[in-house]
Amino acid sequence: MNHVLTANQYTKETLETLFNLTDDIKNNPQKYVKTLDGKIVAVMFYEPSTRTRLSFETAVLKLGGQIISTENASANSSGKKGESLEDTVKILQGYADAIVIRHSSDNWPQEAVKVAKVPILNAGAGKGEHPTQALLDVYTIREHQKTLNGVKVAILGDLLNGRTIHSLLKLVSLYEDVEIYGLSKECFSLPQEYIDLLNKRGIAYKKCTSFDEIPKDVDILYHTRIQSERFEGDFGKEEYIINKEVLSQFSPNTIVLHPLPRNEEIAEDIDDDPRAMYFKQAHNGLYVRMALFVQAFGK
């Protein structure tokens, strides 16, 4: 039984195994059409989603499995009546062979796995982690760069609440000679625990105050929207917007990634630029999640 709970569970070796499997699924999909034949996967999303939920569900269907799904579990499940997530897991594992969950709690994966008898896949945990998003992000970088060693990554936007950022740093920092640059409003600065993690792994975190402080040969510009659902109050609009003028300052080899959905932080005028890879990034999520199901069921 293989859970997907946190980016912490991966090593460079296990990432390479996963990505090689993802490559094979992407290039030879017909080999896998009956992998989940006879399997049912429960998909419980307590928060809104487009890419993550639908790609998980599509992954199951393409592998020959079936889904039972609740799109708005906070309103349309017994969670609204006060049922604990642990009790929900105990019930669902009597109906399904694996469970995919997104929940507003940062720590729900640790609670769910205590009672789980089927694979649990974390599709987002509050402002804590989003490991499968980070996996598809790193896969996309690997696909473009061929290696993560020596990669230069600039993270932008809501570094405080952006769970995709938190998981991404845990994976990218496994590699050698990595450089990380952070650009955000002060109120959305990267939490110290992640700076400490980078330092522990020999990676200096360079805090920036403008695009001018990011090296022009940076490999990745990874932007995130302001996670307004994670806090009360109005912190205004995004100050650091990637548009044609900004992107023109960077190398022809610099790519732009974003977990989506975007707001104003990435202008639509760069969508046709070959360096804008956020839609390809989203589509890669399907293949990575197919690979995760193959591993979850030990196929």
C-alpha atoms as a PDB file:
ATOM      1  CA  MET A   1       0.000   0.000   0.000  1.00  0.00           C
ATOM      2  CA  ASN A   2       1.624   3.236  -1.193  1.00  0.00           C
ATOM      3  CA  HIS A   3       0.267   6.513   0.173  1.00  0.00           C
ATOM      4  CA  VAL A   4       1.103   9.924  -1.303  1.00  0.00           C
ATOM      5  CA  LEU A   5       1.044  12.233   1.711  1.00  0.00           C
ATOM      6  CA  THR A   6       3.987  14.633   1.564  1.00  0.00           C
ATOM      7  CA  ALA A   7       6.914  15.633  -0.592  1.00  0.00           C
ATOM      8  CA  ASN A   8       9.100  14.546   2.328  1.00  0.00           C
ATOM      9  CA  GLN A   9       8.574  10.896   1.407  1.00  0.00           C
ATOM     10  CA  TYR A  10      10.522  11.209  -1.856  1.00  0.00           C
ATOM     11  CA  THR A  11      14.208  10.883  -2.668  1.00  0.00           C
ATOM     12  CA  LYS A  12      16.002  11.547  -5.929  1.00  0.00           C
ATOM     13  CA  GLU A  13      15.900   7.833  -6.609  1.00  0.00           C
ATOM     14  CA  THR A  14      12.173   7.433  -5.999  1.00  0.00           C
ATOM     15  CA  LEU A  15      11.488  10.555  -8.062  1.00  0.00           C
ATOM     16  CA  GLU A  16      13.446   9.128 -10.967  1.00  0.00           C
ATOM     17  CA  THR A  17      11.496   5.860 -10.738  1.00  0.00           C
ATOM     18  CA  LEU A  18       8.207   7.785 -10.762  1.00  0.00           C
ATOM     19  CA  PHE A  19       9.249  10.011 -13.665  1.00  0.00           C
ATOM     20  CA  ASN A  20      10.481   7.104 -15.769  1.00  0.00           C
ATOM     21  CA  LEU A  21       7.107   5.452 -15.238  1.00  0.00           C
ATOM     22  CA  THR A  22       5.378   8.726 -16.146  1.00  0.00           C
ATOM     23  CA  ASP A  23       7.402   8.903 -19.369  1.00  0.00           C
ATOM     24  CA  ASP A  24       6.334   5.375 -20.268  1.00  0.00           C
ATOM     25  CA  ILE A  25       2.665   6.084 -19.570  1.00  0.00           C
ATOM     26  CA  LYS A  26       2.824   9.289 -21.598  1.00  0.00           C
ATOM     27  CA  ASN A  27       4.525   7.582 -24.547  1.00  0.00           C
ATOM     28  CA  ASN A  28       2.702   4.227 -24.376  1.00  0.00           C
ATOM     29  CA  PRO A  29      -0.753   4.843 -22.875  1.00  0.00           C
ATOM     30  CA  GLN A  30      -2.259   1.678 -24.361  1.00  0.00           C
ATOM     31  CA  LYS A  31      -0.044  -0.448 -22.104  1.00  0.00           C
ATOM     32  CA  TYR A  32      -1.914   0.840 -19.058  1.00  0.00           C
ATOM     33  CA  VAL A  33      -5.587   0.920 -20.081  1.00  0.00           C
ATOM     34  CA  LYS A  34      -6.526  -2.014 -17.839  1.00  0.00           C
ATOM     35  CA  THR A  35      -4.168  -1.338 -14.932  1.00  0.00           C
ATOM     36  CA  LEU A  36      -6.997  -0.390 -12.559  1.00  0.00           C
ATOM     37  CA  ASP A  37      -9.552  -2.780 -13.998  1.00  0.00           C
ATOM     38  CA  GLY A  38     -12.010  -3.606 -11.215  1.00  0.00           C
ATOM     39  CA  LYS A  39     -10.734  -0.827  -8.925  1.00  0.00           C
ATOM     40  CA  ILE A  40     -12.821   2.044  -7.515  1.00  0.00           C
ATOM     41  CA  VAL A  41     -11.274   5.307  -6.344  1.00  0.00           C
ATOM     42  CA  ALA A  42     -13.117   7.744  -4.066  1.00  0.00           C
ATOM     43  CA  VAL A  43     -12.426  11.431  -4.742  1.00  0.00           C
ATOM     44  CA  MET A  44     -13.364  13.777  -1.870  1.00  0.00           C
ATOM     45  CA  PHE A  45     -12.709  17.490  -2.390  1.00  0.00           C
ATOM     46  CA  TYR A  46     -13.612  19.802   0.482  1.00  0.00           C
ATOM     47  CA  GLU A  47     -12.199  22.772  -1.444  1.00  0.00           C
ATOM     48  CA  PRO A  48     -12.711  23.943  -5.052  1.00  0.00           C
ATOM     49  CA  SER A  49     -10.565  22.479  -7.828  1.00  0.00           C
ATOM     50  CA  THR A  50     -10.448  22.156 -11.592  1.00  0.00           C
ATOM     51  CA  ARG A  51      -7.075  20.720 -12.633  1.00  0.00           C
ATOM     52  CA  THR A  52      -6.314  18.536  -9.625  1.00  0.00           C
ATOM     53  CA  ARG A  53      -9.734  16.904  -9.243  1.00  0.00           C
ATOM     54  CA  LEU A  54     -10.411  16.361 -12.926  1.00  0.00           C
ATOM     55  CA  SER A  55      -6.904  15.101 -13.679  1.00  0.00           C
ATOM     56  CA  PHE A  56      -7.120  12.617 -10.792  1.00  0.00           C
ATOM     57  CA  GLU A  57     -10.493  11.414 -12.037  1.00  0.00           C
ATOM     58  CA  THR A  58      -9.309  11.242 -15.644  1.00  0.00           C
ATOM     59  CA  ALA A  59      -6.224   9.315 -14.520  1.00  0.00           C
ATOM     60  CA  VAL A  60      -8.418   6.648 -12.924  1.00  0.00           C
ATOM     61  CA  LEU A  61     -10.623   6.375 -16.005  1.00  0.00           C
ATOM     62  CA  LYS A  62      -7.682   6.140 -18.412  1.00  0.00           C
ATOM     63  CA  LEU A  63      -6.249   3.330 -16.298  1.00  0.00           C
ATOM     64  CA  GLY A  64      -9.507   1.406 -16.544  1.00  0.00           C
ATOM     65  CA  GLY A  65     -10.819   2.140 -13.044  1.00  0.00           C
ATOM     66  CA  GLN A  66     -14.001   3.777 -11.813  1.00  0.00           C
ATOM     67  CA  ILE A  67     -14.608   6.764  -9.529  1.00  0.00           C
ATOM     68  CA  ILE A  68     -17.053   7.804  -6.847  1.00  0.00           C
ATOM     69  CA  SER A  69     -16.731  11.527  -6.338  1.00  0.00           C
ATOM     70  CA  THR A  70     -17.963  14.477  -4.277  1.00  0.00           C
ATOM     71  CA  GLU A  71     -17.069  17.815  -5.827  1.00  0.00           C
ATOM     72  CA  ASN A  72     -17.993  20.005  -2.845  1.00  0.00           C
ATOM     73  CA  ALA A  73     -17.603  17.710   0.140  1.00  0.00           C
ATOM     74  CA  SER A  74     -17.697  20.542   2.679  1.00  0.00           C
ATOM     75  CA  ALA A  75     -21.344  21.120   1.705  1.00  0.00           C
ATOM     76  CA  ASN A  76     -22.397  17.833   0.123  1.00  0.00           C
ATOM     77  CA  SER A  77     -21.009  15.218   2.500  1.00  0.00           C
ATOM     78  CA  SER A  78     -21.522  14.318   6.148  1.00  0.00           C
ATOM     79  CA  GLY A  79     -18.604  16.607   6.933  1.00  0.00           C
ATOM     80  CA  LYS A  80     -21.233  19.360   6.948  1.00  0.00           C
ATOM     81  CA  LYS A  81     -22.981  17.433   9.735  1.00  0.00           C
ATOM     82  CA  GLY A  82     -19.814  17.261  11.793  1.00  0.00           C
ATOM     83  CA  GLU A  83     -18.384  13.904  10.701  1.00  0.00           C
ATOM     84  CA  SER A  84     -14.639  13.761  11.283  1.00  0.00           C
ATOM     85  CA  LEU A  85     -12.293  13.118   8.395  1.00  0.00           C
ATOM     86  CA  GLU A  86     -11.098   9.954  10.129  1.00  0.00           C
ATOM     87  CA  ASP A  87     -14.648   8.593  10.203  1.00  0.00           C
ATOM     88  CA  THR A  88     -15.110   9.530   6.556  1.00  0.00           C
ATOM     89  CA  VAL A  89     -11.975   7.579   5.647  1.00  0.00           C
ATOM     90  CA  LYS A  90     -13.175   4.577   7.676  1.00  0.00           C
ATOM     91  CA  ILE A  91     -16.425   4.605   5.700  1.00  0.00           C
ATOM     92  CA  LEU A  92     -14.957   5.245   2.251  1.00  0.00           C
ATOM     93  CA  GLN A  93     -12.403   2.457   2.479  1.00  0.00           C
ATOM     94  CA  GLY A  94     -15.327   0.071   2.686  1.00  0.00           C
ATOM     95  CA  TYR A  95     -16.477   1.332  -0.715  1.00  0.00           C
ATOM     96  CA  ALA A  96     -13.263   2.180  -2.567  1.00  0.00           C
ATOM     97  CA  ASP A  97      -9.792   0.786  -3.181  1.00  0.00           C
ATOM     98  CA  ALA A  98      -8.055   4.180  -2.829  1.00  0.00           C
ATOM     99  CA  ILE A  99      -9.055   7.641  -1.607  1.00  0.00           C
ATOM    100  CA  VAL A 100      -8.026  11.059  -2.969  1.00  0.00           C
ATOM    101  CA  ILE A 101      -8.707  13.984  -0.625  1.00  0.00           C
ATOM    102  CA  ARG A 102      -8.354  17.776  -0.649  1.00  0.00           C
ATOM    103  CA  HIS A 103      -9.097  19.461   2.656  1.00  0.00           C
ATOM    104  CA  SER A 104      -8.526  22.846   4.316  1.00  0.00           C
ATOM    105  CA  SER A 105      -6.650  21.320   7.252  1.00  0.00           C
ATOM    106  CA  ASP A 106      -2.838  21.434   7.003  1.00  0.00           C
ATOM    107  CA  ASN A 107      -2.512  18.172   8.911  1.00  0.00           C
ATOM    108  CA  TRP A 108      -5.336  16.023   7.571  1.00  0.00           C
ATOM    109  CA  PRO A 109      -3.022  13.497   5.804  1.00  0.00           C
ATOM    110  CA  GLN A 110      -1.370  12.540   9.104  1.00  0.00           C
ATOM    111  CA  GLU A 111      -4.780  12.050  10.723  1.00  0.00           C
ATOM    112  CA  ALA A 112      -6.278  10.115   7.804  1.00  0.00           C
ATOM    113  CA  VAL A 113      -3.381   7.693   7.470  1.00  0.00           C
ATOM    114  CA  LYS A 114      -3.801   6.597  11.103  1.00  0.00           C
ATOM    115  CA  VAL A 115      -6.997   4.763  10.156  1.00  0.00           C
ATOM    116  CA  ALA A 116      -6.388   4.088   6.461  1.00  0.00           C
ATOM    117  CA  LYS A 117      -6.438   0.547   5.088  1.00  0.00           C
ATOM    118  CA  VAL A 118      -6.305   1.674   1.450  1.00  0.00           C
ATOM    119  CA  PRO A 119      -3.937   4.121  -0.315  1.00  0.00           C
ATOM    120  CA  ILE A 120      -4.507   7.799   0.544  1.00  0.00           C
ATOM    121  CA  LEU A 121      -3.448  10.456  -1.963  1.00  0.00           C
ATOM    122  CA  ASN A 122      -3.058  14.049  -0.788  1.00  0.00           C
ATOM    123  CA  ALA A 123      -4.629  16.442  -3.316  1.00  0.00           C
ATOM    124  CA  GLY A 124      -3.976  19.506  -1.164  1.00  0.00           C
ATOM    125  CA  ALA A 125      -3.765  20.162   2.562  1.00  0.00           C
ATOM    126  CA  GLY A 126      -4.650  23.700   3.607  1.00  0.00           C
ATOM    127  CA  LYS A 127      -1.614  25.960   3.278  1.00  0.00           C
ATOM    128  CA  GLY A 128       0.668  23.048   4.139  1.00  0.00           C
ATOM    129  CA  GLU A 129       1.460  20.857   1.146  1.00  0.00           C
ATOM    130  CA  HIS A 130       0.328  19.834  -2.323  1.00  0.00           C
ATOM    131  CA  PRO A 131       2.732  16.996  -3.119  1.00  0.00           C
ATOM    132  CA  THR A 132       1.235  15.779  -6.394  1.00  0.00           C
ATOM    133  CA  GLN A 133       1.382  19.328  -7.783  1.00  0.00           C
ATOM    134  CA  ALA A 134       5.059  19.513  -6.845  1.00  0.00           C
ATOM    135  CA  LEU A 135       5.666  16.161  -8.511  1.00  0.00           C
ATOM    136  CA  LEU A 136       4.181  17.343 -11.794  1.00  0.00           C
ATOM    137  CA  ASP A 137       6.097  20.627 -11.463  1.00  0.00           C
ATOM    138  CA  VAL A 138       9.428  18.840 -11.052  1.00  0.00           C
ATOM    139  CA  TYR A 139       8.522  16.431 -13.845  1.00  0.00           C
ATOM    140  CA  THR A 140       7.869  19.412 -16.147  1.00  0.00           C
ATOM    141  CA  ILE A 141      11.186  21.007 -15.185  1.00  0.00           C
ATOM    142  CA  ARG A 142      12.993  17.700 -15.765  1.00  0.00           C
ATOM    143  CA  GLU A 143      11.292  17.303 -19.136  1.00  0.00           C
ATOM    144  CA  HIS A 144      12.559  20.718 -20.192  1.00  0.00           C
ATOM    145  CA  GLN A 145      15.935  20.869 -18.429  1.00  0.00           C
ATOM    146  CA  LYS A 146      16.771  17.129 -18.598  1.00  0.00           C
ATOM    147  CA  THR A 147      18.120  17.437 -15.041  1.00  0.00           C
ATOM    148  CA  LEU A 148      17.330  19.258 -11.808  1.00  0.00           C
ATOM    149  CA  ASN A 149      20.959  19.512 -10.781  1.00  0.00           C
ATOM    150  CA  GLY A 150      22.173  23.100 -11.030  1.00  0.00           C
ATOM    151  CA  VAL A 151      18.694  24.500 -11.673  1.00  0.00           C
ATOM    152  CA  LYS A 152      17.974  28.130 -10.801  1.00  0.00           C
ATOM    153  CA  VAL A 153      14.396  28.714  -9.628  1.00  0.00           C
ATOM    154  CA  ALA A 154      12.678  31.998  -8.808  1.00  0.00           C
ATOM    155  CA  ILE A 155       9.513  31.611  -6.718  1.00  0.00           C
ATOM    156  CA  LEU A 156       7.061  34.504  -6.797  1.00  0.00           C
ATOM    157  CA  GLY A 157       3.753  35.553  -5.290  1.00  0.00           C
ATOM    158  CA  ASP A 158       2.212  34.128  -2.151  1.00  0.00           C
ATOM    159  CA  LEU A 159       5.139  32.246  -0.649  1.00  0.00           C
ATOM    160  CA  LEU A 160       3.513  32.226   2.796  1.00  0.00           C
ATOM    161  CA  ASN A 161       0.298  30.369   1.973  1.00  0.00           C
ATOM    162  CA  GLY A 162       1.239  28.739  -1.329  1.00  0.00           C
ATOM    163  CA  ARG A 163       1.264  25.014  -0.580  1.00  0.00           C
ATOM    164  CA  THR A 164       2.540  24.282  -4.083  1.00  0.00           C
ATOM    165  CA  ILE A 165       5.640  26.340  -3.288  1.00  0.00           C
ATOM    166  CA  HIS A 166       6.195  24.509  -0.005  1.00  0.00           C
ATOM    167  CA  SER A 167       6.089  21.068  -1.616  1.00  0.00           C
ATOM    168  CA  LEU A 168       8.142  22.206  -4.610  1.00  0.00           C
ATOM    169  CA  LEU A 169      10.994  23.409  -2.415  1.00  0.00           C
ATOM    170  CA  LYS A 170      11.125  20.069  -0.609  1.00  0.00           C
ATOM    171  CA  LEU A 171      11.621  18.257  -3.910  1.00  0.00           C
ATOM    172  CA  VAL A 172      13.891  20.690  -5.758  1.00  0.00           C
ATOM    173  CA  SER A 173      16.209  20.933  -2.743  1.00  0.00           C
ATOM    174  CA  LEU A 174      17.009  17.213  -3.072  1.00  0.00           C
ATOM    175  CA  TYR A 175      19.209  18.054  -6.055  1.00  0.00           C
ATOM    176  CA  GLU A 176      22.725  19.488  -6.256  1.00  0.00           C
ATOM    177  CA  ASP A 177      23.872  23.074  -6.872  1.00  0.00           C
ATOM    178  CA  VAL A 178      20.317  24.433  -6.811  1.00  0.00           C
ATOM    179  CA  GLU A 179      19.699  28.174  -6.458  1.00  0.00           C
ATOM    180  CA  ILE A 180      16.415  29.575  -5.106  1.00  0.00           C
ATOM    181  CA  TYR A 181      15.310  33.203  -5.390  1.00  0.00           C
ATOM    182  CA  GLY A 182      12.149  34.540  -3.733  1.00  0.00           C
ATOM    183  CA  LEU A 183      10.156  37.596  -4.775  1.00  0.00           C
ATOM    184  CA  SER A 184       6.982  38.577  -2.942  1.00  0.00           C
ATOM    185  CA  LYS A 185       5.318  41.239  -0.875  1.00  0.00           C
ATOM    186  CA  GLU A 186       6.763  41.254   2.624  1.00  0.00           C
ATOM    187  CA  CYS A 187       3.462  40.027   4.063  1.00  0.00           C
ATOM    188  CA  PHE A 188       3.696  36.936   1.829  1.00  0.00           C
ATOM    189  CA  SER A 189       7.332  36.076   2.528  1.00  0.00           C
ATOM    190  CA  LEU A 190       8.493  32.471   2.607  1.00  0.00           C
ATOM    191  CA  PRO A 191       8.142  31.002   6.141  1.00  0.00           C
ATOM    192  CA  GLN A 192      11.406  30.543   8.021  1.00  0.00           C
ATOM    193  CA  GLU A 193      10.944  26.767   8.272  1.00  0.00           C
ATOM    194  CA  TYR A 194      11.420  26.443   4.509  1.00  0.00           C
ATOM    195  CA  ILE A 195      14.430  28.749   4.500  1.00  0.00           C
ATOM    196  CA  ASP A 196      15.892  26.578   7.265  1.00  0.00           C
ATOM    197  CA  LEU A 197      15.201  23.448   5.197  1.00  0.00           C
ATOM    198  CA  LEU A 198      17.027  24.917   2.208  1.00  0.00           C
ATOM    199  CA  ASN A 199      19.965  25.982   4.366  1.00  0.00           C
ATOM    200  CA  LYS A 200      20.143  22.518   5.932  1.00  0.00           C
ATOM    201  CA  ARG A 201      20.459  21.064   2.445  1.00  0.00           C
ATOM    202  CA  GLY A 202      23.187  23.519   1.498  1.00  0.00           C
ATOM    203  CA  ILE A 203      21.010  25.865  -0.546  1.00  0.00           C
ATOM    204  CA  ALA A 204      21.167  29.587   0.119  1.00  0.00           C
ATOM    205  CA  TYR A 205      17.802  31.295  -0.202  1.00  0.00           C
ATOM    206  CA  LYS A 206      18.088  34.716  -1.828  1.00  0.00           C
ATOM    207  CA  LYS A 207      15.264  37.087  -0.976  1.00  0.00           C
ATOM    208  CA  CYS A 208      14.597  39.662  -3.725  1.00  0.00           C
ATOM    209  CA  THR A 209      12.721  42.937  -3.800  1.00  0.00           C
ATOM    210  CA  SER A 210      12.360  43.340  -7.580  1.00  0.00           C
ATOM    211  CA  PHE A 211      12.689  41.431 -10.842  1.00  0.00           C
ATOM    212  CA  ASP A 212      16.043  43.174 -11.304  1.00  0.00           C
ATOM    213  CA  GLU A 213      17.526  41.081  -8.488  1.00  0.00           C
ATOM    214  CA  ILE A 214      16.639  37.774 -10.173  1.00  0.00           C
ATOM    215  CA  PRO A 215      19.434  36.517 -12.469  1.00  0.00           C
ATOM    216  CA  LYS A 216      18.531  36.950 -16.111  1.00  0.00           C
ATOM    217  CA  ASP A 217      19.586  33.378 -16.835  1.00  0.00           C
ATOM    218  CA  VAL A 218      17.249  31.909 -14.212  1.00  0.00           C
ATOM    219  CA  ASP A 219      15.806  28.624 -15.470  1.00  0.00           C
ATOM    220  CA  ILE A 220      12.342  28.833 -13.892  1.00  0.00           C
ATOM    221  CA  LEU A 221      10.012  31.684 -12.990  1.00  0.00           C
ATOM    222  CA  TYR A 222       7.410  29.957 -10.798  1.00  0.00           C
ATOM    223  CA  HIS A 223       4.534  32.309  -9.931  1.00  0.00           C
ATOM    224  CA  THR A 224       1.558  31.754  -7.614  1.00  0.00           C
ATOM    225  CA  ARG A 225      -1.613  33.719  -7.017  1.00  0.00           C
ATOM    226  CA  ILE A 226      -2.456  35.390  -3.708  1.00  0.00           C
ATOM    227  CA  GLN A 227      -4.228  32.658  -1.716  1.00  0.00           C
ATOM    228  CA  SER A 228      -7.041  34.937  -0.500  1.00  0.00           C
ATOM    229  CA  GLU A 229      -9.011  31.955   0.851  1.00  0.00           C
ATOM    230  CA  ARG A 230      -6.274  31.367   3.446  1.00  0.00           C
ATOM    231  CA  PHE A 231      -6.560  34.658   5.338  1.00  0.00           C
ATOM    232  CA  GLU A 232      -8.934  37.436   6.314  1.00  0.00           C
ATOM    233  CA  GLY A 233      -8.521  41.008   5.141  1.00  0.00           C
ATOM    234  CA  ASP A 234      -7.394  42.631   1.907  1.00  0.00           C
ATOM    235  CA  PHE A 235      -3.709  42.628   1.037  1.00  0.00           C
ATOM    236  CA  GLY A 236      -4.248  44.329  -2.299  1.00  0.00           C
ATOM    237  CA  LYS A 237      -3.227  43.205  -5.757  1.00  0.00           C
ATOM    238  CA  GLU A 238      -0.127  41.341  -6.872  1.00  0.00           C
ATOM    239  CA  GLU A 239       2.774  43.751  -7.359  1.00  0.00           C
ATOM    240  CA  TYR A 240       5.047  41.453  -9.356  1.00  0.00           C
ATOM    241  CA  ILE A 241       3.396  40.664 -12.688  1.00  0.00           C
ATOM    242  CA  ILE A 242       5.022  38.666 -15.464  1.00  0.00           C
ATOM    243  CA  ASN A 243       4.111  40.250 -18.785  1.00  0.00           C
ATOM    244  CA  LYS A 244       5.853  40.625 -22.139  1.00  0.00           C
ATOM    245  CA  GLU A 245       7.997  43.492 -20.922  1.00  0.00           C
ATOM    246  CA  VAL A 246       9.174  41.577 -17.845  1.00  0.00           C
ATOM    247  CA  LEU A 247       9.724  38.291 -19.655  1.00  0.00           C
ATOM    248  CA  SER A 248      11.784  40.047 -22.330  1.00  0.00           C
ATOM    249  CA  GLN A 249      14.397  40.757 -19.643  1.00  0.00           C
ATOM    250  CA  PHE A 250      15.087  37.058 -19.142  1.00  0.00           C
ATOM    251  CA  SER A 251      16.889  34.369 -21.115  1.00  0.00           C
ATOM    252  CA  PRO A 252      15.258  32.645 -24.107  1.00  0.00           C
ATOM    253  CA  ASN A 253      15.661  29.481 -22.030  1.00  0.00           C
ATOM    254  CA  THR A 254      13.794  30.805 -18.977  1.00  0.00           C
ATOM    255  CA  ILE A 255      10.404  29.077 -18.634  1.00  0.00           C
ATOM    256  CA  VAL A 256       7.346  30.309 -16.752  1.00  0.00           C
ATOM    257  CA  LEU A 257       5.398  27.903 -14.550  1.00  0.00           C
ATOM    258  CA  HIS A 258       2.249  28.445 -12.475  1.00  0.00           C
ATOM    259  CA  PRO A 259       0.037  25.894 -10.664  1.00  0.00           C
ATOM    260  CA  LEU A 260      -3.058  27.794 -11.845  1.00  0.00           C
ATOM    261  CA  PRO A 261      -5.600  29.269 -11.642  1.00  0.00           C
ATOM    262  CA  ARG A 262      -3.975  32.612 -12.316  1.00  0.00           C
ATOM    263  CA  ASN A 263      -5.332  36.030 -11.556  1.00  0.00           C
ATOM    264  CA  GLU A 264      -3.396  39.119 -12.590  1.00  0.00           C
ATOM    265  CA  GLU A 265       0.082  37.780 -11.763  1.00  0.00           C
ATOM    266  CA  ILE A 266       0.676  36.372 -15.268  1.00  0.00           C
ATOM    267  CA  ALA A 267      -0.523  38.496 -18.176  1.00  0.00           C
ATOM    268  CA  GLU A 268      -2.298  36.769 -21.043  1.00  0.00           C
ATOM    269  CA  ASP A 269       0.030  38.532 -23.481  1.00  0.00           C
ATOM    270  CA  ILE A 270       2.712  35.902 -22.795  1.00  0.00           C
ATOM    271  CA  ASP A 271       0.473  32.870 -23.392  1.00  0.00           C
ATOM    272  CA  ASP A 272       1.822  32.411 -26.924  1.00  0.00           C
ATOM    273  CA  ASP A 273       5.439  32.713 -25.817  1.00  0.00           C
ATOM    274  CA  PRO A 274       7.082  29.246 -26.001  1.00  0.00           C
ATOM    275  CA  ARG A 275       8.548  29.900 -22.556  1.00  0.00           C
ATOM    276  CA  ALA A 276       5.046  29.995 -21.036  1.00  0.00           C
ATOM    277  CA  MET A 277       4.609  26.362 -20.024  1.00  0.00           C
ATOM    278  CA  TYR A 278       1.844  26.488 -17.407  1.00  0.00           C
ATOM    279  CA  PHE A 279      -0.739  24.779 -19.624  1.00  0.00           C
ATOM    280  CA  LYS A 280       1.704  22.017 -20.556  1.00  0.00           C
ATOM    281  CA  GLN A 281       2.518  21.799 -16.857  1.00  0.00           C
ATOM    282  CA  ALA A 282      -1.160  21.254 -16.026  1.00  0.00           C
ATOM    283  CA  HIS A 283      -1.514  18.574 -18.700  1.00  0.00           C
ATOM    284  CA  ASN A 284       1.531  16.752 -17.324  1.00  0.00           C
ATOM    285  CA  GLY A 285      -0.436  16.382 -14.103  1.00  0.00           C
ATOM    286  CA  LEU A 286      -2.594  13.729 -15.734  1.00  0.00           C
ATOM    287  CA  TYR A 287       0.358  11.483 -16.545  1.00  0.00           C
ATOM    288  CA  VAL A 288       2.082  11.963 -13.192  1.00  0.00           C
ATOM    289  CA  ARG A 289      -1.135  11.088 -11.357  1.00  0.00           C
ATOM    290  CA  MET A 290      -1.635   8.040 -13.553  1.00  0.00           C
ATOM    291  CA  ALA A 291       1.856   6.945 -12.509  1.00  0.00           C
ATOM    292  CA  LEU A 292       1.012   7.538  -8.841  1.00  0.00           C
ATOM    293  CA  PHE A 293      -2.023   5.258  -9.124  1.00  0.00           C
ATOM    294  CA  VAL A 294       0.048   2.568 -10.802  1.00  0.00           C
ATOM    295  CA  GLN A 295       2.485   2.762  -7.879  1.00  0.00           C
ATOM    296  CA  ALA A 296      -0.276   3.002  -5.275  1.00  0.00           C
ATOM    297  CA  PHE A 297      -1.684  -0.315  -6.405  1.00  0.00           C
ATOM    298  CA  GLY A 298       1.738  -1.928  -6.742  1.00  0.00           C
ATOM    299  CA  LYS A 299       1.349  -2.563 -10.455  1.00  0.00           C
END
